[in-house]
PDB file of N, CA and C in Angstrom:
ATOM      1  N   MET A   1      51.815 169.587 -32.149  1.00  0.00           N
ATOM      2  CA  MET A   1      52.677 170.616 -31.612  1.00  0.00           C
ATOM      3  C   MET A   1      53.712 170.017 -30.650  1.00  0.00           C
ATOM      4  N   LEU A   2      53.261 169.096 -29.825  1.00  0.00           N
ATOM      5  CA  LEU A   2      54.174 168.448 -28.891  1.00  0.00           C
ATOM      6  C   LEU A   2      55.215 167.627 -29.651  1.00  0.00           C
ATOM      7  N   ASN A   3      54.773 166.983 -30.727  1.00  0.00           N
ATOM      8  CA  ASN A   3      55.681 166.186 -31.543  1.00  0.00           C
ATOM      9  C   ASN A   3      56.776 167.076 -32.143  1.00  0.00           C
ATOM     10  N   THR A   4      56.393 168.253 -32.626  1.00  0.00           N
ATOM     11  CA  THR A   4      57.365 169.184 -33.200  1.00  0.00           C
ATOM     12  C   THR A   4      58.369 169.634 -32.142  1.00  0.00           C
ATOM     13  N   LEU A   5      57.884 169.869 -30.944  1.00  0.00           N
ATOM     14  CA  LEU A   5      58.766 170.277 -29.853  1.00  0.00           C
ATOM     15  C   LEU A   5      59.805 169.197 -29.563  1.00  0.00           C
ATOM     16  N   PHE A   6      59.357 167.937 -29.512  1.00  0.00           N
ATOM     17  CA  PHE A   6      60.298 166.842 -29.261  1.00  0.00           C
ATOM     18  C   PHE A   6      61.299 166.698 -30.401  1.00  0.00           C
ATOM     19  N   LEU A   7      60.851 166.878 -31.642  1.00  0.00           N
ATOM     20  CA  LEU A   7      61.774 166.787 -32.775  1.00  0.00           C
ATOM     21  C   LEU A   7      62.816 167.906 -32.711  1.00  0.00           C
ATOM     22  N   ASN A   8      62.382 169.111 -32.325  1.00  0.00           N
ATOM     23  CA  ASN A   8      63.338 170.214 -32.194  1.00  0.00           C
ATOM     24  C   ASN A   8      64.348 169.939 -31.085  1.00  0.00           C
ATOM     25  N   LEU A   9      63.868 169.424 -29.961  1.00  0.00           N
ATOM     26  CA  LEU A   9      64.777 169.097 -28.855  1.00  0.00           C
ATOM     27  C   LEU A   9      65.753 167.997 -29.254  1.00  0.00           C
ATOM     28  N   GLN A  10      65.251 167.015 -29.987  1.00  0.00           N
ATOM     29  CA  GLN A  10      66.113 165.919 -30.435  1.00  0.00           C
ATOM     30  C   GLN A  10      67.184 166.450 -31.392  1.00  0.00           C
ATOM     31  N   GLY A  11      66.794 167.359 -32.275  1.00  0.00           N
ATOM     32  CA  GLY A  11      67.760 167.951 -33.199  1.00  0.00           C
ATOM     33  C   GLY A  11      68.824 168.755 -32.480  1.00  0.00           C
ATOM     34  N   MET A  12      68.410 169.535 -31.484  1.00  0.00           N
ATOM     35  CA  MET A  12      69.378 170.330 -30.719  1.00  0.00           C
ATOM     36  C   MET A  12      70.318 169.428 -29.933  1.00  0.00           C
ATOM     37  N   LEU A  13      69.780 168.376 -29.332  1.00  0.00           N
ATOM     38  CA  LEU A  13      70.610 167.449 -28.566  1.00  0.00           C
ATOM     39  C   LEU A  13      71.614 166.760 -29.485  1.00  0.00           C
ATOM     40  N   GLY A  14      71.166 166.350 -30.661  1.00  0.00           N
ATOM     41  CA  GLY A  14      72.074 165.728 -31.625  1.00  0.00           C
ATOM     42  C   GLY A  14      73.180 166.678 -32.040  1.00  0.00           C
ATOM     43  N   GLY A  15      72.837 167.957 -32.234  1.00  0.00           N
ATOM     44  CA  GLY A  15      73.845 168.950 -32.595  1.00  0.00           C
ATOM     45  C   GLY A  15      74.867 169.150 -31.496  1.00  0.00           C
ATOM     46  N   VAL A  16      74.398 169.207 -30.259  1.00  0.00           N
ATOM     47  CA  VAL A  16      75.312 169.385 -29.122  1.00  0.00           C
ATOM     48  C   VAL A  16      76.232 168.176 -28.989  1.00  0.00           C
ATOM     49  N   LEU A  17      75.682 166.974 -29.118  1.00  0.00           N
ATOM     50  CA  LEU A  17      76.516 165.772 -29.020  1.00  0.00           C
ATOM     51  C   LEU A  17      77.533 165.722 -30.153  1.00  0.00           C
ATOM     52  N   SER A  18      77.129 166.168 -31.332  1.00  0.00           N
ATOM     53  CA  SER A  18      78.054 166.202 -32.461  1.00  0.00           C
ATOM     54  C   SER A  18      79.208 167.160 -32.185  1.00  0.00           C
ATOM     55  N   LEU A  19      78.897 168.336 -31.634  1.00  0.00           N
ATOM     56  CA  LEU A  19      79.954 169.298 -31.305  1.00  0.00           C
ATOM     57  C   LEU A  19      80.903 168.739 -30.247  1.00  0.00           C
ATOM     58  N   ILE A  20      80.355 168.070 -29.254  1.00  0.00           N
ATOM     59  CA  ILE A  20      81.190 167.478 -28.202  1.00  0.00           C
ATOM     60  C   ILE A  20      82.106 166.414 -28.797  1.00  0.00           C
ATOM     61  N   THR A  21      81.541 165.575 -29.672  1.00  0.00           N
ATOM     62  CA  THR A  21      82.341 164.517 -30.297  1.00  0.00           C
ATOM     63  C   THR A  21      83.454 165.119 -31.141  1.00  0.00           C
ATOM     64  N   GLN A  22      83.142 166.154 -31.919  1.00  0.00           N
ATOM     65  CA  GLN A  22      84.169 166.796 -32.741  1.00  0.00           C
ATOM     66  C   GLN A  22      85.270 167.404 -31.867  1.00  0.00           C
ATOM     67  N   GLY A  23      84.873 168.019 -30.763  1.00  0.00           N
ATOM     68  CA  GLY A  23      85.863 168.591 -29.854  1.00  0.00           C
ATOM     69  C   GLY A  23      86.767 167.533 -29.259  1.00  0.00           C
ATOM     70  N   MET A  24      86.185 166.403 -28.881  1.00  0.00           N
ATOM     71  CA  MET A  24      86.992 165.324 -28.304  1.00  0.00           C
ATOM     72  C   MET A  24      87.921 164.744 -29.357  1.00  0.00           C
ATOM     73  N   LEU A  25      87.450 164.631 -30.601  1.00  0.00           N
ATOM     74  CA  LEU A  25      88.315 164.123 -31.661  1.00  0.00           C
ATOM     75  C   LEU A  25      89.484 165.077 -31.907  1.00  0.00           C
ATOM     76  N   SER A  26      89.255 166.374 -31.832  1.00  0.00           N
ATOM     77  CA  SER A  26      90.361 167.315 -32.028  1.00  0.00           C
ATOM     78  C   SER A  26      91.362 167.215 -30.878  1.00  0.00           C
ATOM     79  N   ILE A  27      90.872 166.976 -29.667  1.00  0.00           N
ATOM     80  CA  ILE A  27      91.778 166.784 -28.530  1.00  0.00           C
ATOM     81  C   ILE A  27      92.623 165.534 -28.740  1.00  0.00           C
ATOM     82  N   VAL A  28      92.001 164.475 -29.245  1.00  0.00           N
ATOM     83  CA  VAL A  28      92.734 163.232 -29.508  1.00  0.00           C
ATOM     84  C   VAL A  28      93.791 163.469 -30.576  1.00  0.00           C
ATOM     85  N   GLU A  29      93.468 164.239 -31.617  1.00  0.00           N
ATOM     86  CA  GLU A  29      94.457 164.544 -32.648  1.00  0.00           C
ATOM     87  C   GLU A  29      95.634 165.313 -32.051  1.00  0.00           C
ATOM     88  N   THR A  30      95.358 166.202 -31.109  1.00  0.00           N
ATOM     89  CA  THR A  30      96.429 166.945 -30.449  1.00  0.00           C
ATOM     90  C   THR A  30      97.320 165.995 -29.654  1.00  0.00           C
ATOM     91  N   LEU A  31      96.714 164.999 -29.011  1.00  0.00           N
ATOM     92  CA  LEU A  31      97.505 164.028 -28.257  1.00  0.00           C
ATOM     93  C   LEU A  31      98.421 163.221 -29.165  1.00  0.00           C
ATOM     94  N   LYS A  32      98.027 163.038 -30.424  1.00  0.00           N
ATOM     95  CA  LYS A  32      98.806 162.201 -31.327  1.00  0.00           C
ATOM     96  C   LYS A  32     100.078 162.873 -31.823  1.00  0.00           C
ATOM     97  N   THR A  33     100.180 164.200 -31.738  1.00  0.00           N
ATOM     98  CA  THR A  33     101.355 164.865 -32.282  1.00  0.00           C
ATOM     99  C   THR A  33     102.584 164.503 -31.455  1.00  0.00           C
ATOM    100  N   PRO A  34     103.674 164.131 -32.122  1.00  0.00           N
ATOM    101  CA  PRO A  34     104.867 163.716 -31.379  1.00  0.00           C
ATOM    102  C   PRO A  34     105.526 164.897 -30.673  1.00  0.00           C
ATOM    103  N   ARG A  35     106.131 164.592 -29.556  1.00  0.00           N
ATOM    104  CA  ARG A  35     106.841 165.622 -28.809  1.00  0.00           C
ATOM    105  C   ARG A  35     108.299 165.649 -29.255  1.00  0.00           C
ATOM    106  N   ARG A  36     108.851 166.839 -29.283  1.00  0.00           N
ATOM    107  CA  ARG A  36     110.245 166.972 -29.672  1.00  0.00           C
ATOM    108  C   ARG A  36     111.145 166.591 -28.503  1.00  0.00           C
ATOM    109  N   SER A  37     112.183 165.855 -28.799  1.00  0.00           N
ATOM    110  CA  SER A  37     113.082 165.420 -27.735  1.00  0.00           C
ATOM    111  C   SER A  37     114.363 166.241 -27.785  1.00  0.00           C
ATOM    112  N   THR A  38     114.765 166.744 -26.657  1.00  0.00           N
ATOM    113  CA  THR A  38     116.054 167.432 -26.557  1.00  0.00           C
ATOM    114  C   THR A  38     116.852 166.707 -25.488  1.00  0.00           C
ATOM    115  N   GLY A  39     118.001 166.237 -25.857  1.00  0.00           N
ATOM    116  CA  GLY A  39     118.827 165.541 -24.874  1.00  0.00           C
ATOM    117  C   GLY A  39     119.437 164.286 -25.453  1.00  0.00           C
ATOM    118  N   SER A  40     119.680 163.315 -24.588  1.00  0.00           N
ATOM    119  CA  SER A  40     120.394 162.106 -24.970  1.00  0.00           C
ATOM    120  C   SER A  40     119.518 161.177 -25.798  1.00  0.00           C
ATOM    121  N   SER A  41     120.164 160.194 -26.404  1.00  0.00           N
ATOM    122  CA  SER A  41     119.410 159.222 -27.198  1.00  0.00           C
ATOM    123  C   SER A  41     118.548 158.342 -26.293  1.00  0.00           C
ATOM    124  N   ARG A  42     118.976 158.127 -25.050  1.00  0.00           N
ATOM    125  CA  ARG A  42     118.165 157.345 -24.111  1.00  0.00           C
ATOM    126  C   ARG A  42     116.849 158.077 -23.835  1.00  0.00           C
ATOM    127  N   LYS A  43     116.954 159.388 -23.646  1.00  0.00           N
ATOM    128  CA  LYS A  43     115.753 160.193 -23.425  1.00  0.00           C
ATOM    129  C   LYS A  43     114.876 160.182 -24.682  1.00  0.00           C
ATOM    130  N   ALA A  44     115.497 160.233 -25.850  1.00  0.00           N
ATOM    131  CA  ALA A  44     114.734 160.206 -27.096  1.00  0.00           C
ATOM    132  C   ALA A  44     113.975 158.889 -27.232  1.00  0.00           C
ATOM    133  N   LYS A  45     114.623 157.774 -26.886  1.00  0.00           N
ATOM    134  CA  LYS A  45     113.948 156.472 -26.947  1.00  0.00           C
ATOM    135  C   LYS A  45     112.781 156.419 -25.969  1.00  0.00           C
ATOM    136  N   LYS A  46     113.005 156.964 -24.772  1.00  0.00           N
ATOM    137  CA  LYS A  46     111.953 156.983 -23.757  1.00  0.00           C
ATOM    138  C   LYS A  46     110.776 157.842 -24.232  1.00  0.00           C
ATOM    139  N   ASP A  47     111.079 159.015 -24.805  1.00  0.00           N
ATOM    140  CA  ASP A  47     110.021 159.891 -25.316  1.00  0.00           C
ATOM    141  C   ASP A  47     109.262 159.222 -26.454  1.00  0.00           C
ATOM    142  N   TYR A  48     109.997 158.520 -27.329  1.00  0.00           N
ATOM    143  CA  TYR A  48     109.335 157.876 -28.460  1.00  0.00           C
ATOM    144  C   TYR A  48     108.428 156.744 -27.983  1.00  0.00           C
ATOM    145  N   SER A  49     108.865 155.974 -26.995  1.00  0.00           N
ATOM    146  CA  SER A  49     108.010 154.893 -26.494  1.00  0.00           C
ATOM    147  C   SER A  49     106.773 155.468 -25.810  1.00  0.00           C
ATOM    148  N   LYS A  50     106.920 156.612 -25.144  1.00  0.00           N
ATOM    149  CA  LYS A  50     105.752 157.281 -24.557  1.00  0.00           C
ATOM    150  C   LYS A  50     104.816 157.761 -25.664  1.00  0.00           C
ATOM    151  N   TYR A  51     105.379 158.289 -26.747  1.00  0.00           N
ATOM    152  CA  TYR A  51     104.568 158.727 -27.884  1.00  0.00           C
ATOM    153  C   TYR A  51     103.782 157.556 -28.470  1.00  0.00           C
ATOM    154  N   ILE A  52     104.416 156.388 -28.590  1.00  0.00           N
ATOM    155  CA  ILE A  52     103.731 155.206 -29.128  1.00  0.00           C
ATOM    156  C   ILE A  52     102.591 154.796 -28.198  1.00  0.00           C
ATOM    157  N   ARG A  53     102.829 154.786 -26.890  1.00  0.00           N
ATOM    158  CA  ARG A  53     101.763 154.448 -25.934  1.00  0.00           C
ATOM    159  C   ARG A  53     100.607 155.437 -26.031  1.00  0.00           C
ATOM    160  N   ASP A  54     100.933 156.736 -26.072  1.00  0.00           N
ATOM    161  CA  ASP A  54      99.893 157.764 -26.182  1.00  0.00           C
ATOM    162  C   ASP A  54      99.129 157.620 -27.490  1.00  0.00           C
ATOM    163  N   ASN A  55      99.834 157.268 -28.546  1.00  0.00           N
ATOM    164  CA  ASN A  55      99.203 157.104 -29.854  1.00  0.00           C
ATOM    165  C   ASN A  55      98.217 155.938 -29.826  1.00  0.00           C
ATOM    166  N   LYS A  56      98.586 154.845 -29.169  1.00  0.00           N
ATOM    167  CA  LYS A  56      97.673 153.703 -29.059  1.00  0.00           C
ATOM    168  C   LYS A  56      96.429 154.085 -28.265  1.00  0.00           C
ATOM    169  N   LYS A  57      96.625 154.845 -27.173  1.00  0.00           N
ATOM    170  CA  LYS A  57      95.474 155.307 -26.386  1.00  0.00           C
ATOM    171  C   LYS A  57      94.592 156.229 -27.222  1.00  0.00           C
ATOM    172  N   ALA A  58      95.223 157.120 -27.976  1.00  0.00           N
ATOM    173  CA  ALA A  58      94.463 158.058 -28.806  1.00  0.00           C
ATOM    174  C   ALA A  58      93.667 157.315 -29.873  1.00  0.00           C
ATOM    175  N   ASN A  59      94.269 156.286 -30.464  1.00  0.00           N
ATOM    176  CA  ASN A  59      93.549 155.504 -31.473  1.00  0.00           C
ATOM    177  C   ASN A  59      92.355 154.785 -30.863  1.00  0.00           C
ATOM    178  N   ALA A  60      92.520 154.261 -29.655  1.00  0.00           N
ATOM    179  CA  ALA A  60      91.403 153.577 -28.992  1.00  0.00           C
ATOM    180  C   ALA A  60      90.281 154.563 -28.668  1.00  0.00           C
ATOM    181  N   ILE A  61      90.652 155.748 -28.180  1.00  0.00           N
ATOM    182  CA  ILE A  61      89.634 156.762 -27.871  1.00  0.00           C
ATOM    183  C   ILE A  61      88.923 157.195 -29.144  1.00  0.00           C
ATOM    184  N   ARG A  62      89.693 157.409 -30.227  1.00  0.00           N
ATOM    185  CA  ARG A  62      89.092 157.837 -31.492  1.00  0.00           C
ATOM    186  C   ARG A  62      88.117 156.783 -32.007  1.00  0.00           C
ATOM    187  N   ALA A  63      88.497 155.513 -31.931  1.00  0.00           N
ATOM    188  CA  ALA A  63      87.610 154.451 -32.400  1.00  0.00           C
ATOM    189  C   ALA A  63      86.322 154.420 -31.587  1.00  0.00           C
ATOM    190  N   ALA A  64      86.437 154.597 -30.275  1.00  0.00           N
ATOM    191  CA  ALA A  64      85.241 154.605 -29.426  1.00  0.00           C
ATOM    192  C   ALA A  64      84.347 155.792 -29.757  1.00  0.00           C
ATOM    193  N   LEU A  65      84.954 156.962 -29.975  1.00  0.00           N
ATOM    194  CA  LEU A  65      84.154 158.151 -30.299  1.00  0.00           C
ATOM    195  C   LEU A  65      83.468 158.013 -31.650  1.00  0.00           C
ATOM    196  N   LEU A  66      84.183 157.479 -32.632  1.00  0.00           N
ATOM    197  CA  LEU A  66      83.575 157.321 -33.953  1.00  0.00           C
ATOM    198  C   LEU A  66      82.457 156.293 -33.915  1.00  0.00           C
ATOM    199  N   THR A  67      82.627 155.234 -33.126  1.00  0.00           N
ATOM    200  CA  THR A  67      81.568 154.240 -32.973  1.00  0.00           C
ATOM    201  C   THR A  67      80.356 154.873 -32.311  1.00  0.00           C
ATOM    202  N   GLU A  68      80.597 155.691 -31.286  1.00  0.00           N
ATOM    203  CA  GLU A  68      79.499 156.373 -30.603  1.00  0.00           C
ATOM    204  C   GLU A  68      78.799 157.345 -31.549  1.00  0.00           C
ATOM    205  N   ALA A  69      79.578 158.042 -32.384  1.00  0.00           N
ATOM    206  CA  ALA A  69      78.982 158.986 -33.337  1.00  0.00           C
ATOM    207  C   ALA A  69      78.145 158.244 -34.374  1.00  0.00           C
ATOM    208  N   ASP A  70      78.585 157.050 -34.781  1.00  0.00           N
ATOM    209  CA  ASP A  70      77.808 156.258 -35.741  1.00  0.00           C
ATOM    210  C   ASP A  70      76.495 155.793 -35.139  1.00  0.00           C
ATOM    211  N   ILE A  71      76.515 155.473 -33.850  1.00  0.00           N
ATOM    212  CA  ILE A  71      75.288 155.016 -33.184  1.00  0.00           C
ATOM    213  C   ILE A  71      74.273 156.149 -33.127  1.00  0.00           C
ATOM    214  N   LEU A  72      74.763 157.375 -32.864  1.00  0.00           N
ATOM    215  CA  LEU A  72      73.866 158.529 -32.781  1.00  0.00           C
ATOM    216  C   LEU A  72      73.398 158.860 -34.164  1.00  0.00           C
TER     217      LEU A  72
END
């Protein structure tokens, strides 16, 4: 009976961690969407370089989350 209780708790914990991971991945996908630039070409270049930096950060976060999900 105790073993069944631990298995149920482990299953619930795994489900909660899976939901958290999926939520974080969706947040990362939102970060990856490019922002629209209105204004000069200098501002557009600045916005695009910020988008590239954010995209690199998002890719690193996604890789870490997927690695963590594989471990679980």
